[in-house]
Amino acid sequence: MRYRITDLIEPDNGCEGFMPGEEPTVTLILEDGRRIRVYDRLAYENDWDIGKEMTDEDIDRYGV
């Protein structure tokens, strides 16, 4: 099944930034209300942005 991304939330790490070795994540809000956290790099590579879609397979494979 395919789900449209209705919003995304990026963490605000303030002036501290990320810890060494920590990979940034983003939370994708789906049309059914689910929140799926994925690595920011994967969201960019897969073009997951507001209005785009992701599948059950994507969620199972890439969800953190």
N, C-alpha and C. Protein backbone atom coordinates (compact mmCIF):
# COMPACT_ATOMS: atom_id res chain seq x y z
N MET A 1 0.84 -1.17 0.00
CA MET A 1 0.00 0.00 0.00
C MET A 1 0.89 1.25 0.00
N ARG A 2 0.39 2.33 -0.53
CA ARG A 2 1.13 3.59 -0.60
C ARG A 2 0.47 4.61 0.33
N TYR A 3 1.32 5.43 0.97
CA TYR A 3 0.85 6.43 1.91
C TYR A 3 1.48 7.78 1.56
N ARG A 4 0.67 8.81 1.52
CA ARG A 4 1.18 10.15 1.23
C ARG A 4 1.77 10.75 2.52
N ILE A 5 2.88 11.45 2.36
CA ILE A 5 3.53 12.15 3.46
C ILE A 5 2.86 13.52 3.59
N THR A 6 2.27 13.79 4.75
CA THR A 6 1.55 15.05 4.94
C THR A 6 2.36 16.10 5.68
N ASP A 7 3.40 15.67 6.39
CA ASP A 7 4.24 16.62 7.11
C ASP A 7 5.54 15.92 7.46
N LEU A 8 6.54 16.69 7.83
CA LEU A 8 7.79 16.11 8.32
C LEU A 8 8.33 16.98 9.43
N ILE A 9 9.00 16.33 10.36
CA ILE A 9 9.55 17.01 11.51
C ILE A 9 11.05 16.73 11.56
N GLU A 10 11.82 17.80 11.54
CA GLU A 10 13.27 17.68 11.65
C GLU A 10 13.67 18.12 13.05
N PRO A 11 14.58 17.38 13.68
CA PRO A 11 14.98 17.74 15.04
C PRO A 11 15.72 19.07 15.07
N ASP A 12 15.54 19.80 16.15
CA ASP A 12 16.26 21.05 16.35
C ASP A 12 17.31 20.78 17.43
N ASN A 13 18.53 20.58 17.01
CA ASN A 13 19.59 20.29 17.96
C ASN A 13 20.28 21.56 18.46
N GLY A 14 19.73 22.69 18.12
CA GLY A 14 20.26 23.95 18.61
C GLY A 14 21.72 24.14 18.27
N CYS A 15 22.42 24.89 19.09
CA CYS A 15 23.82 25.18 18.81
C CYS A 15 24.73 23.99 19.10
N GLU A 16 24.21 22.98 19.82
CA GLU A 16 25.03 21.80 20.13
C GLU A 16 25.26 20.94 18.90
N GLY A 17 24.31 20.96 17.96
CA GLY A 17 24.45 20.11 16.76
C GLY A 17 24.28 18.65 17.11
N PHE A 18 24.88 17.80 16.33
CA PHE A 18 24.78 16.36 16.54
C PHE A 18 26.07 15.84 17.18
N MET A 19 25.94 14.77 17.92
CA MET A 19 27.10 14.14 18.53
C MET A 19 27.95 13.50 17.43
N PRO A 20 29.25 13.39 17.63
CA PRO A 20 30.09 12.73 16.63
C PRO A 20 29.57 11.32 16.35
N GLY A 21 29.41 11.00 15.08
CA GLY A 21 28.92 9.69 14.67
C GLY A 21 27.40 9.56 14.65
N GLU A 22 26.69 10.54 15.19
CA GLU A 22 25.23 10.49 15.21
C GLU A 22 24.68 10.86 13.84
N GLU A 23 23.80 10.01 13.32
CA GLU A 23 23.21 10.28 12.00
C GLU A 23 21.86 10.97 12.19
N PRO A 24 21.68 12.15 11.59
CA PRO A 24 20.41 12.88 11.72
C PRO A 24 19.23 12.08 11.18
N THR A 25 18.08 12.25 11.84
CA THR A 25 16.85 11.61 11.40
C THR A 25 15.79 12.67 11.15
N VAL A 26 14.73 12.24 10.48
CA VAL A 26 13.56 13.07 10.24
C VAL A 26 12.35 12.19 10.51
N THR A 27 11.28 12.77 11.03
CA THR A 27 10.04 12.03 11.26
C THR A 27 9.05 12.42 10.17
N LEU A 28 8.59 11.41 9.43
CA LEU A 28 7.61 11.62 8.37
C LEU A 28 6.23 11.33 8.92
N ILE A 29 5.30 12.25 8.73
CA ILE A 29 3.92 12.06 9.17
C ILE A 29 3.12 11.60 7.95
N LEU A 30 2.50 10.43 8.07
CA LEU A 30 1.73 9.87 6.95
C LEU A 30 0.26 10.25 7.06
N GLU A 31 -0.44 10.11 5.95
CA GLU A 31 -1.85 10.50 5.89
C GLU A 31 -2.72 9.72 6.86
N ASP A 32 -2.27 8.52 7.28
CA ASP A 32 -3.06 7.74 8.24
C ASP A 32 -2.70 8.09 9.69
N GLY A 33 -1.83 9.11 9.87
CA GLY A 33 -1.47 9.56 11.21
C GLY A 33 -0.21 8.94 11.77
N ARG A 34 0.33 7.92 11.11
CA ARG A 34 1.55 7.30 11.61
C ARG A 34 2.74 8.24 11.48
N ARG A 35 3.67 8.06 12.40
CA ARG A 35 4.92 8.82 12.39
C ARG A 35 6.04 7.82 12.15
N ILE A 36 6.77 8.01 11.07
CA ILE A 36 7.83 7.09 10.69
C ILE A 36 9.15 7.86 10.75
N ARG A 37 10.06 7.39 11.59
CA ARG A 37 11.37 8.04 11.70
C ARG A 37 12.36 7.33 10.78
N VAL A 38 13.02 8.09 9.93
CA VAL A 38 14.01 7.56 9.00
C VAL A 38 15.25 8.45 9.05
N TYR A 39 16.37 7.90 8.61
CA TYR A 39 17.57 8.72 8.53
C TYR A 39 17.37 9.79 7.47
N ASP A 40 17.80 11.00 7.80
CA ASP A 40 17.65 12.15 6.92
C ASP A 40 18.24 11.88 5.53
N ARG A 41 19.37 11.22 5.50
CA ARG A 41 20.04 10.88 4.23
C ARG A 41 19.12 10.03 3.34
N LEU A 42 18.42 9.07 3.93
CA LEU A 42 17.52 8.21 3.15
C LEU A 42 16.31 8.98 2.65
N ALA A 43 15.79 9.89 3.48
CA ALA A 43 14.65 10.70 3.05
C ALA A 43 15.04 11.53 1.83
N TYR A 44 16.23 12.08 1.86
CA TYR A 44 16.72 12.89 0.73
C TYR A 44 16.92 12.02 -0.51
N GLU A 45 17.58 10.88 -0.34
CA GLU A 45 17.88 9.99 -1.47
C GLU A 45 16.60 9.45 -2.12
N ASN A 46 15.56 9.22 -1.33
CA ASN A 46 14.31 8.65 -1.83
C ASN A 46 13.26 9.70 -2.17
N ASP A 47 13.63 10.98 -2.01
CA ASP A 47 12.74 12.09 -2.32
C ASP A 47 11.45 12.04 -1.49
N TRP A 48 11.58 11.64 -0.22
CA TRP A 48 10.42 11.61 0.67
C TRP A 48 10.25 12.99 1.27
N ASP A 49 9.26 13.68 0.78
CA ASP A 49 8.97 15.05 1.23
C ASP A 49 7.46 15.19 1.28
N ILE A 50 6.97 16.30 1.78
CA ILE A 50 5.54 16.54 1.85
C ILE A 50 4.92 16.38 0.47
N GLY A 51 3.84 15.58 0.39
CA GLY A 51 3.15 15.34 -0.86
C GLY A 51 3.62 14.11 -1.60
N LYS A 52 4.79 13.58 -1.25
CA LYS A 52 5.32 12.37 -1.88
C LYS A 52 4.72 11.16 -1.18
N GLU A 53 4.98 9.97 -1.72
CA GLU A 53 4.43 8.75 -1.14
C GLU A 53 5.54 7.78 -0.76
N MET A 54 5.23 6.93 0.23
CA MET A 54 6.11 5.82 0.56
C MET A 54 5.23 4.59 0.74
N THR A 55 5.84 3.42 0.59
CA THR A 55 5.11 2.16 0.63
C THR A 55 5.31 1.45 1.96
N ASP A 56 4.53 0.39 2.18
CA ASP A 56 4.72 -0.46 3.36
C ASP A 56 6.13 -1.04 3.34
N GLU A 57 6.60 -1.41 2.16
CA GLU A 57 7.94 -1.97 2.03
C GLU A 57 9.00 -0.95 2.46
N ASP A 58 8.84 0.31 2.05
CA ASP A 58 9.76 1.37 2.46
C ASP A 58 9.78 1.50 3.98
N ILE A 59 8.61 1.50 4.58
CA ILE A 59 8.48 1.66 6.03
C ILE A 59 9.19 0.51 6.76
N ASP A 60 8.95 -0.72 6.30
CA ASP A 60 9.57 -1.89 6.93
C ASP A 60 11.08 -1.88 6.76
N ARG A 61 11.56 -1.46 5.61
CA ARG A 61 12.98 -1.50 5.29
C ARG A 61 13.77 -0.37 5.95
N TYR A 62 13.21 0.84 5.96
CA TYR A 62 13.99 2.02 6.34
C TYR A 62 13.60 2.66 7.66
N GLY A 63 12.49 2.29 8.25
CA GLY A 63 12.08 2.90 9.52
C GLY A 63 13.10 2.65 10.61
N VAL A 64 13.35 3.66 11.43
CA VAL A 64 14.34 3.55 12.52
C VAL A 64 13.61 3.26 13.81
